[in-house]
């Protein structure tokens, strides 16, 4: 299975039995990520990028 990059949300110390790296990015298969995704511990979208994009949209309005 292919691994994908997931972003770990604030307050989460471990994902899939492993400590979260400083970058807060982890590479997991969909199967490995399923549990933490269901609990809202992971995101497929970089939260920093999403926040910056939201700020750009507000500035355009």
Protein backbone atom coordinates (compact mmCIF):
# COMPACT_ATOMS: atom_id res chain seq x y z
CA UNK A 1 0.00 0.00 0.00
CA UNK A 2 1.10 3.55 -0.71
CA UNK A 3 1.95 5.81 2.18
CA UNK A 4 0.58 9.34 2.29
CA UNK A 5 1.51 12.37 4.34
CA UNK A 6 -0.83 13.28 7.17
CA UNK A 7 -0.61 16.26 9.49
CA UNK A 8 -0.94 15.66 13.23
CA UNK A 9 -3.12 18.13 15.09
CA UNK A 10 -2.08 20.06 18.20
CA UNK A 11 -2.20 18.17 21.49
CA UNK A 12 -1.54 14.75 19.96
CA UNK A 13 1.66 13.08 21.17
CA UNK A 14 1.48 9.71 19.41
CA UNK A 15 -0.03 8.35 16.20
CA UNK A 16 -0.14 4.70 15.16
CA UNK A 17 1.91 3.79 18.26
CA UNK A 18 4.75 6.17 17.42
CA UNK A 19 5.75 9.55 18.87
CA UNK A 20 4.84 12.52 16.70
CA UNK A 21 7.89 14.17 15.07
CA UNK A 22 8.58 17.90 15.46
CA UNK A 23 7.39 18.53 11.91
CA UNK A 24 3.98 17.11 12.94
CA UNK A 25 3.96 15.21 9.63
CA UNK A 26 3.65 11.43 9.47
CA UNK A 27 3.66 9.03 6.53
CA UNK A 28 1.06 6.31 6.90
CA UNK A 29 -1.09 4.07 4.75
CA UNK A 30 -4.83 4.78 4.73
CA UNK A 31 -5.32 1.69 6.90
CA UNK A 32 -2.77 2.84 9.47
CA UNK A 33 -4.29 6.34 9.58
CA UNK A 34 -7.94 5.26 9.73
CA UNK A 35 -8.25 5.13 13.54
CA UNK A 36 -6.55 8.46 14.20
CA UNK A 37 -8.47 10.11 11.35
CA UNK A 38 -11.75 8.92 12.89
CA UNK A 39 -10.76 10.54 16.20
CA UNK A 40 -9.81 13.82 14.52
CA UNK A 41 -6.13 13.49 15.43
CA UNK A 42 -4.92 13.68 11.83
CA UNK A 43 -5.64 15.88 8.86
CA UNK A 44 -4.97 15.32 5.18
CA UNK A 45 -4.60 19.10 4.79
CA UNK A 46 -1.73 21.07 6.35
CA UNK A 47 -3.42 23.18 9.06
CA UNK A 48 -0.86 25.99 8.61
CA UNK A 49 -1.51 26.18 4.87
CA UNK A 50 -5.28 26.07 5.38
CA UNK A 51 -5.08 28.90 7.92
CA UNK A 52 -2.95 31.02 5.58
CA UNK A 53 -5.34 30.38 2.69
CA UNK A 54 -8.34 31.36 4.83
CA UNK A 55 -6.58 34.62 5.73
CA UNK A 56 -5.97 35.34 2.05
CA UNK A 57 -9.63 34.80 1.23
CA UNK A 58 -10.73 37.18 4.00
CA UNK A 59 -8.33 39.86 2.76
CA UNK A 60 -9.80 39.62 -0.74
CA UNK A 61 -13.35 40.24 0.53
